[in-house]
Protein backbone atom coordinates (compact mmCIF):
# COMPACT_ATOMS: atom_id res chain seq x y z
CA UNK A 1 29.37 12.01 -23.04
CA UNK A 2 26.93 9.16 -22.85
CA UNK A 3 24.16 9.42 -20.33
CA UNK A 4 24.02 6.49 -17.90
CA UNK A 5 20.91 4.34 -18.26
CA UNK A 6 18.62 4.15 -15.29
CA UNK A 7 18.14 0.42 -14.57
CA UNK A 8 14.82 1.06 -12.81
CA UNK A 9 13.31 2.62 -15.92
CA UNK A 10 14.40 -0.44 -17.90
CA UNK A 11 12.56 -2.67 -15.43
CA UNK A 12 9.31 -0.80 -16.09
CA UNK A 13 9.56 -1.34 -19.84
CA UNK A 14 9.13 -5.09 -19.89
CA UNK A 15 6.94 -6.35 -17.05
CA UNK A 16 6.86 -10.12 -16.84
CA UNK A 17 4.62 -12.41 -14.90
CA UNK A 18 6.24 -14.05 -11.93
CA UNK A 19 5.91 -17.85 -11.75
CA UNK A 20 3.28 -18.87 -9.21
CA UNK A 21 5.64 -21.07 -7.15
CA UNK A 22 8.13 -18.21 -6.83
CA UNK A 23 5.37 -15.77 -5.87
CA UNK A 24 4.13 -18.15 -3.14
CA UNK A 25 7.66 -18.60 -1.82
CA UNK A 26 8.25 -14.85 -1.57
CA UNK A 27 4.90 -14.26 0.15
CA UNK A 28 5.61 -17.13 2.54
CA UNK A 29 9.04 -15.68 3.36
CA UNK A 30 7.48 -12.27 4.03
CA UNK A 31 4.85 -13.85 6.30
CA UNK A 32 7.58 -15.72 8.18
CA UNK A 33 9.61 -12.54 8.64
CA UNK A 34 6.51 -10.72 9.94
CA UNK A 35 5.80 -13.56 12.38
CA UNK A 36 9.38 -13.44 13.68
CA UNK A 37 9.15 -9.67 14.08
CA UNK A 38 5.86 -10.00 15.98
CA UNK A 39 7.30 -12.69 18.24
CA UNK A 40 10.37 -10.55 18.93
CA UNK A 41 8.11 -7.63 19.78
CA UNK A 42 6.11 -9.81 22.14
CA UNK A 43 9.19 -10.92 24.06
CA UNK A 44 11.05 -7.61 24.07
CA UNK A 45 8.88 -4.50 23.82
CA UNK A 46 5.89 -5.88 25.72
CA UNK A 47 7.92 -7.78 28.29
CA UNK A 48 7.33 -5.22 31.04
CA UNK A 49 3.56 -5.10 30.58
CA UNK A 50 3.36 -8.90 30.38
CA UNK A 51 5.20 -9.25 33.70
CA UNK A 52 3.01 -6.57 35.30
CA UNK A 53 -0.10 -8.41 34.10
CA UNK A 54 1.08 -11.66 35.67
CA UNK A 55 1.76 -10.10 39.07
CA UNK A 56 -1.22 -7.74 39.14
CA UNK A 57 -3.61 -8.73 41.91
CA UNK A 58 -7.36 -8.77 41.59
CA UNK A 59 -9.14 -7.18 44.59
CA UNK A 60 -12.02 -9.70 44.33
CA UNK A 61 -9.69 -12.58 45.17
CA UNK A 62 -7.90 -11.04 48.17
CA UNK A 63 -7.84 -13.37 51.16
């Protein structure tokens, strides 16, 4: 029986340089995804603490 080739080992054999424009596009896409994840976290996970911060009163300004 033939042994199945591992495609990941074949990738290691011939490393090639990635074109600069493609590299920039991938890094830009990753940065965009991270920004979206951070924005989602801001509006979902931290929503409660943001609301509490808005309505928290400061004792120095009590009338």
